[in-house]
């Protein structure tokens, strides 16, 4: 095990040096840019403009919520309009009683004393 650890020491040190160089090349310039941006923001930012942008964003979000609610209401109304009414609801007949039957061609037909009358 110790021999294996000694064999890995060289590649690990090499990889460590590679990462140190990478971080020095990437992270240090990035940190400097962020520091400079902070200074510029402190000196040159227009507070009124920023407040206007925030107010505009809030208004857009409120409008989006209202439109989504309207859309939901329209979808619900459309789905409810697609429900097919039953024949008894349309014709005003109560088919719970035995004195009515459904004729294939005429629709609801009332039975009266053995004689069938179409409404």
C-alpha atoms as a PDB file:
ATOM      1  CA  UNK A   1       0.000   0.000   0.000  1.00  0.00           C
ATOM      2  CA  UNK A   2       2.780   2.387   0.871  1.00  0.00           C
ATOM      3  CA  UNK A   3       4.447   1.761  -2.473  1.00  0.00           C
ATOM      4  CA  UNK A   4       1.197   2.607  -4.268  1.00  0.00           C
ATOM      5  CA  UNK A   5       0.878   5.823  -2.285  1.00  0.00           C
ATOM      6  CA  UNK A   6       4.433   6.825  -3.303  1.00  0.00           C
ATOM      7  CA  UNK A   7       3.627   6.088  -6.958  1.00  0.00           C
ATOM      8  CA  UNK A   8       0.555   8.368  -6.830  1.00  0.00           C
ATOM      9  CA  UNK A   9       2.398  11.224  -5.120  1.00  0.00           C
ATOM     10  CA  UNK A  10       3.976  12.583  -8.340  1.00  0.00           C
ATOM     11  CA  UNK A  11       0.741  12.687 -10.424  1.00  0.00           C
ATOM     12  CA  UNK A  12      -1.197  14.180  -7.512  1.00  0.00           C
ATOM     13  CA  UNK A  13       1.353  16.981  -7.022  1.00  0.00           C
ATOM     14  CA  UNK A  14       1.279  17.648 -10.769  1.00  0.00           C
ATOM     15  CA  UNK A  15      -2.518  17.831 -10.772  1.00  0.00           C
ATOM     16  CA  UNK A  16      -2.444  20.106  -7.718  1.00  0.00           C
ATOM     17  CA  UNK A  17      -0.072  22.512  -9.486  1.00  0.00           C
ATOM     18  CA  UNK A  18      -2.336  22.472 -12.540  1.00  0.00           C
ATOM     19  CA  UNK A  19      -5.386  23.455 -10.449  1.00  0.00           C
ATOM     20  CA  UNK A  20      -3.487  26.208  -8.604  1.00  0.00           C
ATOM     21  CA  UNK A  21      -2.435  27.694 -11.939  1.00  0.00           C
ATOM     22  CA  UNK A  22      -6.007  27.385 -13.285  1.00  0.00           C
ATOM     23  CA  UNK A  23      -7.500  29.131 -10.242  1.00  0.00           C
ATOM     24  CA  UNK A  24      -4.910  31.904 -10.470  1.00  0.00           C
ATOM     25  CA  UNK A  25      -5.739  32.449 -14.163  1.00  0.00           C
ATOM     26  CA  UNK A  26      -9.543  32.276 -13.813  1.00  0.00           C
ATOM     27  CA  UNK A  27     -10.663  33.241 -10.336  1.00  0.00           C
ATOM     28  CA  UNK A  28      -8.349  36.138  -9.581  1.00  0.00           C
ATOM     29  CA  UNK A  29      -9.312  38.137 -12.709  1.00  0.00           C
ATOM     30  CA  UNK A  30     -12.967  37.373 -12.056  1.00  0.00           C
ATOM     31  CA  UNK A  31     -12.712  38.630  -8.485  1.00  0.00           C
ATOM     32  CA  UNK A  32     -11.036  41.805  -9.759  1.00  0.00           C
ATOM     33  CA  UNK A  33     -13.843  42.409 -12.276  1.00  0.00           C
ATOM     34  CA  UNK A  34     -16.479  41.936  -9.571  1.00  0.00           C
ATOM     35  CA  UNK A  35     -14.659  44.363  -7.286  1.00  0.00           C
ATOM     36  CA  UNK A  36     -14.482  46.967 -10.089  1.00  0.00           C
ATOM     37  CA  UNK A  37     -18.184  46.471 -10.909  1.00  0.00           C
ATOM     38  CA  UNK A  38     -19.074  47.087  -7.272  1.00  0.00           C
ATOM     39  CA  UNK A  39     -17.170  50.368  -7.336  1.00  0.00           C
ATOM     40  CA  UNK A  40     -18.888  51.457 -10.571  1.00  0.00           C
ATOM     41  CA  UNK A  41     -22.313  50.562  -9.174  1.00  0.00           C
ATOM     42  CA  UNK A  42     -21.670  52.575  -6.025  1.00  0.00           C
ATOM     43  CA  UNK A  43     -20.649  55.633  -8.040  1.00  0.00           C
ATOM     44  CA  UNK A  44     -22.819  55.597 -11.169  1.00  0.00           C
ATOM     45  CA  UNK A  45     -26.151  53.876 -10.474  1.00  0.00           C
ATOM     46  CA  UNK A  46     -29.328  55.898 -10.986  1.00  0.00           C
ATOM     47  CA  UNK A  47     -31.583  54.913  -8.046  1.00  0.00           C
ATOM     48  CA  UNK A  48     -34.730  56.378  -9.641  1.00  0.00           C
ATOM     49  CA  UNK A  49     -34.181  54.351 -12.809  1.00  0.00           C
ATOM     50  CA  UNK A  50     -33.725  51.174 -10.765  1.00  0.00           C
ATOM     51  CA  UNK A  51     -36.925  51.850  -8.815  1.00  0.00           C
ATOM     52  CA  UNK A  52     -38.750  52.373 -12.118  1.00  0.00           C
ATOM     53  CA  UNK A  53     -37.489  49.045 -13.429  1.00  0.00           C
ATOM     54  CA  UNK A  54     -38.664  47.295 -10.250  1.00  0.00           C
ATOM     55  CA  UNK A  55     -42.112  48.950 -10.487  1.00  0.00           C
ATOM     56  CA  UNK A  56     -42.390  47.922 -14.147  1.00  0.00           C
ATOM     57  CA  UNK A  57     -41.433  44.352 -13.264  1.00  0.00           C
ATOM     58  CA  UNK A  58     -44.050  44.240 -10.496  1.00  0.00           C
ATOM     59  CA  UNK A  59     -46.734  45.551 -12.873  1.00  0.00           C
ATOM     60  CA  UNK A  60     -45.802  42.942 -15.482  1.00  0.00           C
ATOM     61  CA  UNK A  61     -46.036  40.162 -12.910  1.00  0.00           C
ATOM     62  CA  UNK A  62     -49.450  41.398 -11.730  1.00  0.00           C
ATOM     63  CA  UNK A  63     -50.708  41.570 -15.329  1.00  0.00           C
ATOM     64  CA  UNK A  64     -49.403  38.067 -15.999  1.00  0.00           C
ATOM     65  CA  UNK A  65     -51.262  36.729 -12.935  1.00  0.00           C
ATOM     66  CA  UNK A  66     -54.489  38.395 -14.082  1.00  0.00           C
ATOM     67  CA  UNK A  67     -54.142  36.995 -17.604  1.00  0.00           C
ATOM     68  CA  UNK A  68     -53.487  33.499 -16.256  1.00  0.00           C
ATOM     69  CA  UNK A  69     -56.628  33.736 -14.088  1.00  0.00           C
ATOM     70  CA  UNK A  70     -58.662  34.886 -17.104  1.00  0.00           C
ATOM     71  CA  UNK A  71     -57.215  32.043 -19.149  1.00  0.00           C
ATOM     72  CA  UNK A  72     -58.130  29.536 -16.440  1.00  0.00           C
ATOM     73  CA  UNK A  73     -61.677  30.929 -16.363  1.00  0.00           C
ATOM     74  CA  UNK A  74     -61.966  30.645 -20.151  1.00  0.00           C
ATOM     75  CA  UNK A  75     -60.682  27.072 -20.134  1.00  0.00           C
ATOM     76  CA  UNK A  76     -63.148  26.149 -17.388  1.00  0.00           C
ATOM     77  CA  UNK A  77     -66.045  27.796 -19.242  1.00  0.00           C
ATOM     78  CA  UNK A  78     -65.089  26.019 -22.463  1.00  0.00           C
ATOM     79  CA  UNK A  79     -64.879  22.640 -20.753  1.00  0.00           C
ATOM     80  CA  UNK A  80     -68.240  23.212 -19.084  1.00  0.00           C
ATOM     81  CA  UNK A  81     -69.773  24.146 -22.435  1.00  0.00           C
ATOM     82  CA  UNK A  82     -68.586  20.867 -23.929  1.00  0.00           C
ATOM     83  CA  UNK A  83     -70.627  18.751 -21.496  1.00  0.00           C
ATOM     84  CA  UNK A  84     -73.393  17.113 -23.485  1.00  0.00           C
ATOM     85  CA  UNK A  85     -76.766  17.627 -21.853  1.00  0.00           C
ATOM     86  CA  UNK A  86     -78.972  14.607 -21.405  1.00  0.00           C
ATOM     87  CA  UNK A  87     -82.050  14.238 -23.553  1.00  0.00           C
ATOM     88  CA  UNK A  88     -84.308  14.562 -20.523  1.00  0.00           C
ATOM     89  CA  UNK A  89     -82.745  17.918 -19.680  1.00  0.00           C
ATOM     90  CA  UNK A  90     -83.136  19.233 -23.230  1.00  0.00           C
ATOM     91  CA  UNK A  91     -86.719  18.099 -23.779  1.00  0.00           C
ATOM     92  CA  UNK A  92     -87.969  18.693 -20.257  1.00  0.00           C
ATOM     93  CA  UNK A  93     -89.077  15.096 -19.818  1.00  0.00           C
ATOM     94  CA  UNK A  94     -88.594  13.028 -16.746  1.00  0.00           C
ATOM     95  CA  UNK A  95     -87.474   9.621 -17.928  1.00  0.00           C
ATOM     96  CA  UNK A  96     -87.519   8.215 -14.435  1.00  0.00           C
ATOM     97  CA  UNK A  97     -91.087   7.051 -14.985  1.00  0.00           C
ATOM     98  CA  UNK A  98     -92.303   4.186 -17.119  1.00  0.00           C
ATOM     99  CA  UNK A  99     -94.725   6.284 -19.166  1.00  0.00           C
ATOM    100  CA  UNK A 100     -91.917   7.545 -21.435  1.00  0.00           C
ATOM    101  CA  UNK A 101     -89.672   5.704 -23.798  1.00  0.00           C
ATOM    102  CA  UNK A 102     -86.973   6.773 -26.267  1.00  0.00           C
ATOM    103  CA  UNK A 103     -87.823   6.214 -29.898  1.00  0.00           C
ATOM    104  CA  UNK A 104     -84.862   5.848 -32.206  1.00  0.00           C
ATOM    105  CA  UNK A 105     -86.186   8.389 -34.717  1.00  0.00           C
ATOM    106  CA  UNK A 106     -88.725  10.512 -32.846  1.00  0.00           C
ATOM    107  CA  UNK A 107     -86.949  11.008 -29.543  1.00  0.00           C
ATOM    108  CA  UNK A 108     -89.019  10.830 -26.339  1.00  0.00           C
ATOM    109  CA  UNK A 109     -92.414   9.228 -26.805  1.00  0.00           C
ATOM    110  CA  UNK A 110     -95.119   9.089 -24.148  1.00  0.00           C
ATOM    111  CA  UNK A 111     -97.108   5.942 -23.561  1.00  0.00           C
ATOM    112  CA  UNK A 112    -100.751   6.533 -22.681  1.00  0.00           C
ATOM    113  CA  UNK A 113    -102.986   3.539 -22.057  1.00  0.00           C
ATOM    114  CA  UNK A 114    -101.121   1.352 -24.489  1.00  0.00           C
ATOM    115  CA  UNK A 115    -101.208   3.914 -27.294  1.00  0.00           C
ATOM    116  CA  UNK A 116     -97.941   5.683 -28.146  1.00  0.00           C
ATOM    117  CA  UNK A 117     -98.163   9.417 -28.782  1.00  0.00           C
ATOM    118  CA  UNK A 118     -95.265  11.532 -29.973  1.00  0.00           C
ATOM    119  CA  UNK A 119     -95.137  14.901 -28.185  1.00  0.00           C
END
